[in-house]
Amino acid sequence: MSWKYLNTGENTGSFNMEFDLNLVKEAGPGNNILRLYRWNPYCISLGANQDISGINTRKAESDGIDIVKRPTGGRAILHSEELTYSVVMPLTEGISPRLIYQEINLALIEGLKIYDPSLAALELEGIQPDLLSFYKDNLSVACFGVPAKSEIKYSGRKIVGSAQRKIGNILLQHGSIMCGNFHINLADYFNLDDDETSSIKEELKNRTTELESILNYKTDYTSLAESVAEGFEKFYKVRMLRQELLLK
C-alpha cells in the first residue's frame, strides 16, 4: 500500500469538487491519496441529494459566496476558515467503508495532536444519531448540526465533519477541519425567517467548535497541513510521496 500527499492550496468550489472526482477516476489498486486544500472564495457545498431551493442564492452571490454540489451525501456546509481533506482509497476485500471512515478520523486526530499537543483531548463520537428524526428538524439543513458516529469532537462538540461515497471500487472521503467560526454564518444563507436563522446559529455555536476557539491563536495553515500529513504517516506507518500543486 502506497500513499501520495497533494497540497492543492486555495481554489474555487467547482475546482475542488472536480479535482476530488478526478482523483477517483485516476486511482489505481493499492495507491491511496491524501489531498489537503482550501476554498477561495468561500463556498457553500450541498450534499449530493440536497435541494438548492433551501439556499438564498441571491444573498450568497451578493456576498461573494460560491455554491457547489458535493459528490458525497450530507447537508450544507459553509467552507471558509477551514482546512479540507480528501482521501481516495481503492477498496480491498475484508475492509469495510465504515472501518476506513473510523481509521481516517483517527489519522486526523494524530495530525491535530502533532499540530498542537493540547488537542490530545480530541475523541471520536461513539453514538450513531437517529438521522431520520434529525432530518425532520430545521437544524438538519446544516451538516454540522449533529456529529455522526466516528466523527471528531472536542468536549462534546463537533470539530471535523466528514462524508463518504463509494464510486465503483474506489472510496472517496472528504471533510472539513474547522479552524475559525465563520462557518456559523451558514445560517444566514438559508431561506428561513429571522427566528429560525437565529435558532440555527445558536445551535451551531453550541454543537460545534474550532481550533482557534480551543487554542486561542490564529491557525497556521501551512503548519496544520504538514501536521495532518505527518499524522497520516504515523497512523498508517508509511512515508507518503509529497507533491504540492498550488493551483489557481
C-alpha atoms as a PDB file:
ATOM      1  CA  MET A   1       0.000   0.000   0.000  1.00  0.00           C
ATOM      2  CA  SER A   2       1.448   3.342  -1.073  1.00  0.00           C
ATOM      3  CA  TRP A   3       0.317   6.881  -0.251  1.00  0.00           C
ATOM      4  CA  LYS A   4       0.620  10.156  -2.106  1.00  0.00           C
ATOM      5  CA  TYR A   5       0.048  13.533  -0.459  1.00  0.00           C
ATOM      6  CA  LEU A   6      -1.198  16.502  -2.504  1.00  0.00           C
ATOM      7  CA  ASN A   7      -1.495  20.063  -1.250  1.00  0.00           C
ATOM      8  CA  THR A   8      -3.501  21.974  -3.845  1.00  0.00           C
ATOM      9  CA  GLY A   9      -3.850  25.271  -1.984  1.00  0.00           C
ATOM     10  CA  GLU A  10      -6.862  27.578  -2.428  1.00  0.00           C
ATOM     11  CA  ASN A  11      -9.314  27.133  -5.299  1.00  0.00           C
ATOM     12  CA  THR A  12     -12.979  27.546  -6.196  1.00  0.00           C
ATOM     13  CA  GLY A  13     -15.684  25.166  -5.066  1.00  0.00           C
ATOM     14  CA  SER A  14     -16.227  23.693  -8.519  1.00  0.00           C
ATOM     15  CA  PHE A  15     -12.488  23.144  -8.964  1.00  0.00           C
ATOM     16  CA  ASN A  16     -12.183  21.430  -5.586  1.00  0.00           C
ATOM     17  CA  MET A  17     -15.059  19.028  -6.169  1.00  0.00           C
ATOM     18  CA  GLU A  18     -13.995  18.225  -9.728  1.00  0.00           C
ATOM     19  CA  PHE A  19     -10.443  17.607  -8.550  1.00  0.00           C
ATOM     20  CA  ASP A  20     -11.642  15.090  -5.965  1.00  0.00           C
ATOM     21  CA  LEU A  21     -13.679  13.252  -8.593  1.00  0.00           C
ATOM     22  CA  ASN A  22     -10.724  13.212 -10.996  1.00  0.00           C
ATOM     23  CA  LEU A  23      -8.600  11.616  -8.279  1.00  0.00           C
ATOM     24  CA  VAL A  24     -11.207   8.870  -8.024  1.00  0.00           C
ATOM     25  CA  LYS A  25     -11.097   8.297 -11.790  1.00  0.00           C
ATOM     26  CA  GLU A  26      -7.307   8.070 -11.773  1.00  0.00           C
ATOM     27  CA  ALA A  27      -6.993   5.881  -8.672  1.00  0.00           C
ATOM     28  CA  GLY A  28      -5.258   2.550  -9.041  1.00  0.00           C
ATOM     29  CA  PRO A  29      -5.054  -0.604  -6.894  1.00  0.00           C
ATOM     30  CA  GLY A  30      -3.009  -0.125  -3.740  1.00  0.00           C
ATOM     31  CA  ASN A  31      -2.496   3.603  -4.343  1.00  0.00           C
ATOM     32  CA  ASN A  32      -4.031   5.829  -1.689  1.00  0.00           C
ATOM     33  CA  ILE A  33      -4.165   9.611  -1.886  1.00  0.00           C
ATOM     34  CA  LEU A  34      -4.441  12.293   0.800  1.00  0.00           C
ATOM     35  CA  ARG A  35      -5.289  15.741  -0.536  1.00  0.00           C
ATOM     36  CA  LEU A  36      -5.459  18.943   1.539  1.00  0.00           C
ATOM     37  CA  TYR A  37      -6.975  22.153   0.239  1.00  0.00           C
ATOM     38  CA  ARG A  38      -8.888  25.382   0.974  1.00  0.00           C
ATOM     39  CA  TRP A  39     -11.631  27.447  -0.681  1.00  0.00           C
ATOM     40  CA  ASN A  40     -11.334  30.811  -2.423  1.00  0.00           C
ATOM     41  CA  PRO A  41     -13.862  32.355  -2.471  1.00  0.00           C
ATOM     42  CA  TYR A  42     -15.731  30.921   0.489  1.00  0.00           C
ATOM     43  CA  CYS A  43     -18.260  28.355  -0.696  1.00  0.00           C
ATOM     44  CA  ILE A  44     -21.446  26.610   0.394  1.00  0.00           C
ATOM     45  CA  SER A  45     -21.393  22.954  -0.603  1.00  0.00           C
ATOM     46  CA  LEU A  46     -24.600  20.947  -0.697  1.00  0.00           C
ATOM     47  CA  GLY A  47     -24.884  17.202  -0.242  1.00  0.00           C
ATOM     48  CA  ALA A  48     -25.444  15.222  -3.427  1.00  0.00           C
ATOM     49  CA  ASN A  49     -29.157  14.788  -2.668  1.00  0.00           C
ATOM     50  CA  GLN A  50     -29.808  18.190  -1.098  1.00  0.00           C
ATOM     51  CA  ASP A  51     -32.105  20.628  -2.915  1.00  0.00           C
ATOM     52  CA  ILE A  52     -30.604  24.058  -3.677  1.00  0.00           C
ATOM     53  CA  SER A  53     -34.060  25.620  -3.223  1.00  0.00           C
ATOM     54  CA  GLY A  54     -33.372  25.841   0.504  1.00  0.00           C
ATOM     55  CA  ILE A  55     -30.488  28.256  -0.121  1.00  0.00           C
ATOM     56  CA  ASN A  56     -30.832  32.001  -0.610  1.00  0.00           C
ATOM     57  CA  THR A  57     -28.721  32.033  -3.759  1.00  0.00           C
ATOM     58  CA  ARG A  58     -29.183  35.772  -4.321  1.00  0.00           C
ATOM     59  CA  LYS A  59     -27.708  36.640  -0.922  1.00  0.00           C
ATOM     60  CA  ALA A  60     -24.847  34.164  -1.413  1.00  0.00           C
ATOM     61  CA  GLU A  61     -23.983  35.722  -4.765  1.00  0.00           C
ATOM     62  CA  SER A  62     -24.217  39.252  -3.320  1.00  0.00           C
ATOM     63  CA  ASP A  63     -21.809  38.281  -0.528  1.00  0.00           C
ATOM     64  CA  GLY A  64     -19.354  36.612  -2.913  1.00  0.00           C
ATOM     65  CA  ILE A  65     -20.121  33.107  -1.656  1.00  0.00           C
ATOM     66  CA  ASP A  66     -19.901  30.264  -4.193  1.00  0.00           C
ATOM     67  CA  ILE A  67     -22.365  27.357  -4.203  1.00  0.00           C
ATOM     68  CA  VAL A  68     -21.423  23.858  -5.339  1.00  0.00           C
ATOM     69  CA  LYS A  69     -22.716  20.284  -5.085  1.00  0.00           C
ATOM     70  CA  ARG A  70     -20.593  17.671  -3.343  1.00  0.00           C
ATOM     71  CA  PRO A  71     -20.378  14.170  -4.802  1.00  0.00           C
ATOM     72  CA  THR A  72     -20.914  12.867  -1.263  1.00  0.00           C
ATOM     73  CA  GLY A  73     -24.011  12.999   0.917  1.00  0.00           C
ATOM     74  CA  GLY A  74     -24.880  15.039   3.969  1.00  0.00           C
ATOM     75  CA  ARG A  75     -26.181  18.585   4.266  1.00  0.00           C
ATOM     76  CA  ALA A  76     -24.931  22.121   3.635  1.00  0.00           C
ATOM     77  CA  ILE A  77     -21.522  23.354   4.777  1.00  0.00           C
ATOM     78  CA  LEU A  78     -20.061  26.853   4.533  1.00  0.00           C
ATOM     79  CA  HIS A  79     -16.405  26.274   3.650  1.00  0.00           C
ATOM     80  CA  SER A  80     -14.492  29.253   4.998  1.00  0.00           C
ATOM     81  CA  GLU A  81     -11.944  29.218   7.810  1.00  0.00           C
ATOM     82  CA  GLU A  82     -11.056  25.562   7.485  1.00  0.00           C
ATOM     83  CA  LEU A  83      -8.588  23.042   6.117  1.00  0.00           C
ATOM     84  CA  THR A  84     -10.334  20.491   3.935  1.00  0.00           C
ATOM     85  CA  TYR A  85      -9.065  16.969   3.413  1.00  0.00           C
ATOM     86  CA  SER A  86      -9.954  14.281   0.931  1.00  0.00           C
ATOM     87  CA  VAL A  87      -8.864  10.665   0.875  1.00  0.00           C
ATOM     88  CA  VAL A  88      -9.141   8.434  -2.179  1.00  0.00           C
ATOM     89  CA  MET A  89      -8.669   4.763  -1.401  1.00  0.00           C
ATOM     90  CA  PRO A  90      -9.295   1.657  -3.531  1.00  0.00           C
ATOM     91  CA  LEU A  91     -11.370  -0.842  -1.580  1.00  0.00           C
ATOM     92  CA  THR A  92      -9.869  -4.206  -0.786  1.00  0.00           C
ATOM     93  CA  GLU A  93     -11.671  -7.343   0.365  1.00  0.00           C
ATOM     94  CA  GLY A  94     -12.322  -7.509   4.083  1.00  0.00           C
ATOM     95  CA  ILE A  95     -12.083  -3.755   4.755  1.00  0.00           C
ATOM     96  CA  SER A  96     -15.408  -2.008   5.191  1.00  0.00           C
ATOM     97  CA  PRO A  97     -16.082   1.663   4.378  1.00  0.00           C
ATOM     98  CA  ARG A  98     -17.184   2.106   7.998  1.00  0.00           C
ATOM     99  CA  LEU A  99     -13.790   0.935   9.258  1.00  0.00           C
ATOM    100  CA  ILE A 100     -11.999   3.210   6.775  1.00  0.00           C
ATOM    101  CA  TYR A 101     -14.129   6.128   7.982  1.00  0.00           C
ATOM    102  CA  GLN A 102     -13.021   5.490  11.543  1.00  0.00           C
ATOM    103  CA  GLU A 103      -9.364   4.998  10.631  1.00  0.00           C
ATOM    104  CA  ILE A 104      -9.182   8.218   8.612  1.00  0.00           C
ATOM    105  CA  ASN A 105     -10.587  10.162  11.546  1.00  0.00           C
ATOM    106  CA  LEU A 106      -8.056   8.556  13.871  1.00  0.00           C
ATOM    107  CA  ALA A 107      -5.290   9.594  11.463  1.00  0.00           C
ATOM    108  CA  LEU A 108      -6.679  13.141  11.506  1.00  0.00           C
ATOM    109  CA  ILE A 109      -6.553  13.142  15.305  1.00  0.00           C
ATOM    110  CA  GLU A 110      -2.894  12.089  15.167  1.00  0.00           C
ATOM    111  CA  GLY A 111      -2.182  15.017  12.872  1.00  0.00           C
ATOM    112  CA  LEU A 112      -4.065  17.510  15.001  1.00  0.00           C
ATOM    113  CA  LYS A 113      -2.148  16.375  18.089  1.00  0.00           C
ATOM    114  CA  ILE A 114       1.099  16.956  16.200  1.00  0.00           C
ATOM    115  CA  TYR A 115      -0.104  20.462  15.326  1.00  0.00           C
ATOM    116  CA  ASP A 116      -0.771  21.219  19.000  1.00  0.00           C
ATOM    117  CA  PRO A 117      -0.398  18.647  21.813  1.00  0.00           C
ATOM    118  CA  SER A 118      -3.233  20.305  23.743  1.00  0.00           C
ATOM    119  CA  LEU A 119      -5.585  18.707  21.203  1.00  0.00           C
ATOM    120  CA  ALA A 120      -4.946  15.334  22.852  1.00  0.00           C
ATOM    121  CA  ALA A 121      -8.496  15.542  24.236  1.00  0.00           C
ATOM    122  CA  LEU A 122      -9.979  15.033  20.762  1.00  0.00           C
ATOM    123  CA  GLU A 123     -12.103  11.904  20.521  1.00  0.00           C
ATOM    124  CA  LEU A 124     -14.410  10.039  18.175  1.00  0.00           C
ATOM    125  CA  GLU A 125     -18.176  10.200  18.521  1.00  0.00           C
ATOM    126  CA  GLY A 126     -19.289   6.806  19.776  1.00  0.00           C
ATOM    127  CA  ILE A 127     -23.021   7.021  19.072  1.00  0.00           C
ATOM    128  CA  GLN A 128     -24.809   6.991  15.738  1.00  0.00           C
ATOM    129  CA  PRO A 129     -27.595   9.605  15.818  1.00  0.00           C
ATOM    130  CA  ASP A 130     -31.123   8.957  14.620  1.00  0.00           C
ATOM    131  CA  LEU A 131     -30.673  10.739  11.297  1.00  0.00           C
ATOM    132  CA  LEU A 132     -34.235  10.105  10.151  1.00  0.00           C
ATOM    133  CA  SER A 133     -35.541  12.104  13.101  1.00  0.00           C
ATOM    134  CA  PHE A 134     -32.795  14.696  12.758  1.00  0.00           C
ATOM    135  CA  TYR A 135     -33.605  15.388   9.111  1.00  0.00           C
ATOM    136  CA  LYS A 136     -37.143  16.388  10.112  1.00  0.00           C
ATOM    137  CA  ASP A 137     -35.718  19.269  12.153  1.00  0.00           C
ATOM    138  CA  ASN A 138     -34.827  22.689  10.700  1.00  0.00           C
ATOM    139  CA  LEU A 139     -31.276  22.246  12.012  1.00  0.00           C
ATOM    140  CA  SER A 140     -30.838  19.370   9.565  1.00  0.00           C
ATOM    141  CA  VAL A 141     -30.180  21.812   6.712  1.00  0.00           C
ATOM    142  CA  ALA A 142     -26.702  22.276   8.218  1.00  0.00           C
ATOM    143  CA  CYS A 143     -24.279  19.360   8.023  1.00  0.00           C
ATOM    144  CA  PHE A 144     -22.561  20.344  11.271  1.00  0.00           C
ATOM    145  CA  GLY A 145     -25.843  20.172  13.182  1.00  0.00           C
ATOM    146  CA  VAL A 146     -25.059  16.739  14.609  1.00  0.00           C
ATOM    147  CA  PRO A 147     -21.924  14.544  14.877  1.00  0.00           C
ATOM    148  CA  ALA A 148     -22.141  11.158  13.182  1.00  0.00           C
ATOM    149  CA  LYS A 149     -20.529   8.086  14.672  1.00  0.00           C
ATOM    150  CA  SER A 150     -16.699   8.161  14.485  1.00  0.00           C
ATOM    151  CA  GLU A 151     -16.561  11.879  13.647  1.00  0.00           C
ATOM    152  CA  ILE A 152     -14.173  14.009  15.689  1.00  0.00           C
ATOM    153  CA  LYS A 153     -15.320  16.087  18.633  1.00  0.00           C
ATOM    154  CA  TYR A 154     -13.770  18.144  21.414  1.00  0.00           C
ATOM    155  CA  SER A 155     -15.542  18.446  24.764  1.00  0.00           C
ATOM    156  CA  GLY A 156     -18.658  17.037  23.114  1.00  0.00           C
ATOM    157  CA  ARG A 157     -18.631  19.495  20.212  1.00  0.00           C
ATOM    158  CA  LYS A 158     -18.031  18.565  16.587  1.00  0.00           C
ATOM    159  CA  ILE A 159     -14.796  19.949  15.121  1.00  0.00           C
ATOM    160  CA  VAL A 160     -14.328  17.815  11.979  1.00  0.00           C
ATOM    161  CA  GLY A 161     -17.205  16.862   9.689  1.00  0.00           C
ATOM    162  CA  SER A 162     -16.758  14.155   7.053  1.00  0.00           C
ATOM    163  CA  ALA A 163     -18.698  12.490   4.249  1.00  0.00           C
ATOM    164  CA  GLN A 164     -18.002   9.343   2.279  1.00  0.00           C
ATOM    165  CA  ARG A 165     -19.044   7.792  -1.028  1.00  0.00           C
ATOM    166  CA  LYS A 166     -18.178   4.561  -2.804  1.00  0.00           C
ATOM    167  CA  ILE A 167     -17.690   5.079  -6.552  1.00  0.00           C
ATOM    168  CA  GLY A 168     -17.126   1.738  -8.247  1.00  0.00           C
ATOM    169  CA  ASN A 169     -14.440   0.081  -6.137  1.00  0.00           C
ATOM    170  CA  ILE A 170     -12.954   3.422  -5.027  1.00  0.00           C
ATOM    171  CA  LEU A 171     -13.795   5.157  -1.783  1.00  0.00           C
ATOM    172  CA  LEU A 172     -13.873   8.958  -1.599  1.00  0.00           C
ATOM    173  CA  GLN A 173     -13.970  10.554   1.825  1.00  0.00           C
ATOM    174  CA  HIS A 174     -13.595  14.258   2.402  1.00  0.00           C
ATOM    175  CA  GLY A 175     -14.286  16.632   5.231  1.00  0.00           C
ATOM    176  CA  SER A 176     -13.710  19.943   6.971  1.00  0.00           C
ATOM    177  CA  ILE A 177     -11.311  20.657   9.827  1.00  0.00           C
ATOM    178  CA  MET A 178     -12.881  23.740  11.377  1.00  0.00           C
ATOM    179  CA  CYS A 179     -10.338  26.425  12.241  1.00  0.00           C
ATOM    180  CA  GLY A 180     -12.337  29.656  12.695  1.00  0.00           C
ATOM    181  CA  ASN A 181     -16.010  30.252  13.465  1.00  0.00           C
ATOM    182  CA  PHE A 182     -17.158  31.921  10.221  1.00  0.00           C
ATOM    183  CA  HIS A 183     -18.923  28.683   9.263  1.00  0.00           C
ATOM    184  CA  ILE A 184     -21.684  29.546  11.736  1.00  0.00           C
ATOM    185  CA  ASN A 185     -22.808  32.237   9.274  1.00  0.00           C
ATOM    186  CA  LEU A 186     -24.139  29.430   7.090  1.00  0.00           C
ATOM    187  CA  ALA A 187     -27.492  30.030   8.802  1.00  0.00           C
ATOM    188  CA  ASP A 188     -27.730  33.419   7.063  1.00  0.00           C
ATOM    189  CA  TYR A 189     -27.964  31.730   3.659  1.00  0.00           C
ATOM    190  CA  PHE A 190     -30.999  29.520   4.249  1.00  0.00           C
ATOM    191  CA  ASN A 191     -34.477  30.542   3.149  1.00  0.00           C
ATOM    192  CA  LEU A 192     -35.725  30.794   6.719  1.00  0.00           C
ATOM    193  CA  ASP A 193     -37.259  33.530   8.844  1.00  0.00           C
ATOM    194  CA  ASP A 194     -35.215  35.517  11.362  1.00  0.00           C
ATOM    195  CA  ASP A 195     -36.216  33.394  14.359  1.00  0.00           C
ATOM    196  CA  GLU A 196     -35.291  30.155  12.594  1.00  0.00           C
ATOM    197  CA  THR A 197     -31.978  31.647  11.451  1.00  0.00           C
ATOM    198  CA  SER A 198     -31.112  32.767  14.982  1.00  0.00           C
ATOM    199  CA  SER A 199     -32.061  29.357  16.348  1.00  0.00           C
ATOM    200  CA  ILE A 200     -29.797  27.520  13.889  1.00  0.00           C
ATOM    201  CA  LYS A 201     -26.895  29.875  14.604  1.00  0.00           C
ATOM    202  CA  GLU A 202     -27.270  29.299  18.333  1.00  0.00           C
ATOM    203  CA  GLU A 203     -27.441  25.535  17.890  1.00  0.00           C
ATOM    204  CA  LEU A 204     -24.351  25.529  15.660  1.00  0.00           C
ATOM    205  CA  LYS A 205     -22.466  27.546  18.289  1.00  0.00           C
ATOM    206  CA  ASN A 206     -23.490  25.046  20.950  1.00  0.00           C
ATOM    207  CA  ARG A 207     -22.789  21.907  18.919  1.00  0.00           C
ATOM    208  CA  THR A 208     -19.561  22.838  17.121  1.00  0.00           C
ATOM    209  CA  THR A 209     -16.144  24.210  17.963  1.00  0.00           C
ATOM    210  CA  GLU A 210     -12.998  25.268  16.104  1.00  0.00           C
ATOM    211  CA  LEU A 211      -9.244  25.100  16.518  1.00  0.00           C
ATOM    212  CA  GLU A 212      -8.948  28.824  17.174  1.00  0.00           C
ATOM    213  CA  SER A 213     -11.600  28.724  19.912  1.00  0.00           C
ATOM    214  CA  ILE A 214      -9.732  25.889  21.626  1.00  0.00           C
ATOM    215  CA  LEU A 215      -6.164  27.078  21.106  1.00  0.00           C
ATOM    216  CA  ASN A 216      -6.677  30.855  21.316  1.00  0.00           C
ATOM    217  CA  TYR A 217      -4.390  31.672  18.388  1.00  0.00           C
ATOM    218  CA  LYS A 218      -4.777  32.079  14.638  1.00  0.00           C
ATOM    219  CA  THR A 219      -4.354  28.996  12.505  1.00  0.00           C
ATOM    220  CA  ASP A 220      -1.071  28.449  10.696  1.00  0.00           C
ATOM    221  CA  TYR A 221      -2.495  26.597   7.700  1.00  0.00           C
ATOM    222  CA  THR A 222       0.916  25.590   6.349  1.00  0.00           C
ATOM    223  CA  SER A 223       1.879  24.008   9.662  1.00  0.00           C
ATOM    224  CA  LEU A 224      -1.562  22.432  10.069  1.00  0.00           C
ATOM    225  CA  ALA A 225      -1.413  20.796   6.636  1.00  0.00           C
ATOM    226  CA  GLU A 226       2.040  19.383   7.280  1.00  0.00           C
ATOM    227  CA  SER A 227       0.935  18.115  10.692  1.00  0.00           C
ATOM    228  CA  VAL A 228      -2.076  16.333   9.190  1.00  0.00           C
ATOM    229  CA  ALA A 229       0.174  14.682   6.599  1.00  0.00           C
ATOM    230  CA  GLU A 230       2.546  13.564   9.354  1.00  0.00           C
ATOM    231  CA  GLY A 231      -0.414  12.223  11.318  1.00  0.00           C
ATOM    232  CA  PHE A 232      -1.440  10.017   8.387  1.00  0.00           C
ATOM    233  CA  GLU A 233       2.125   8.758   8.064  1.00  0.00           C
ATOM    234  CA  LYS A 234       2.236   7.954  11.773  1.00  0.00           C
ATOM    235  CA  PHE A 235      -1.141   6.205  11.828  1.00  0.00           C
ATOM    236  CA  TYR A 236      -0.666   4.198   8.626  1.00  0.00           C
ATOM    237  CA  LYS A 237       3.070   3.644   9.249  1.00  0.00           C
ATOM    238  CA  VAL A 238       4.074   4.869   5.792  1.00  0.00           C
ATOM    239  CA  ARG A 239       6.135   7.590   4.166  1.00  0.00           C
ATOM    240  CA  MET A 240       3.994   9.469   1.674  1.00  0.00           C
ATOM    241  CA  LEU A 241       5.188  10.812  -1.646  1.00  0.00           C
ATOM    242  CA  ARG A 242       4.652  14.563  -1.291  1.00  0.00           C
ATOM    243  CA  GLN A 243       3.503  16.773  -4.121  1.00  0.00           C
ATOM    244  CA  GLU A 244       2.429  20.420  -3.885  1.00  0.00           C
ATOM    245  CA  LEU A 245       0.156  21.707  -6.647  1.00  0.00           C
ATOM    246  CA  LEU A 246      -0.645  25.257  -5.609  1.00  0.00           C
ATOM    247  CA  LEU A 247      -3.110  25.759  -8.437  1.00  0.00           C
ATOM    248  CA  LYS A 248      -5.368  28.697  -9.310  1.00  0.00           C
END
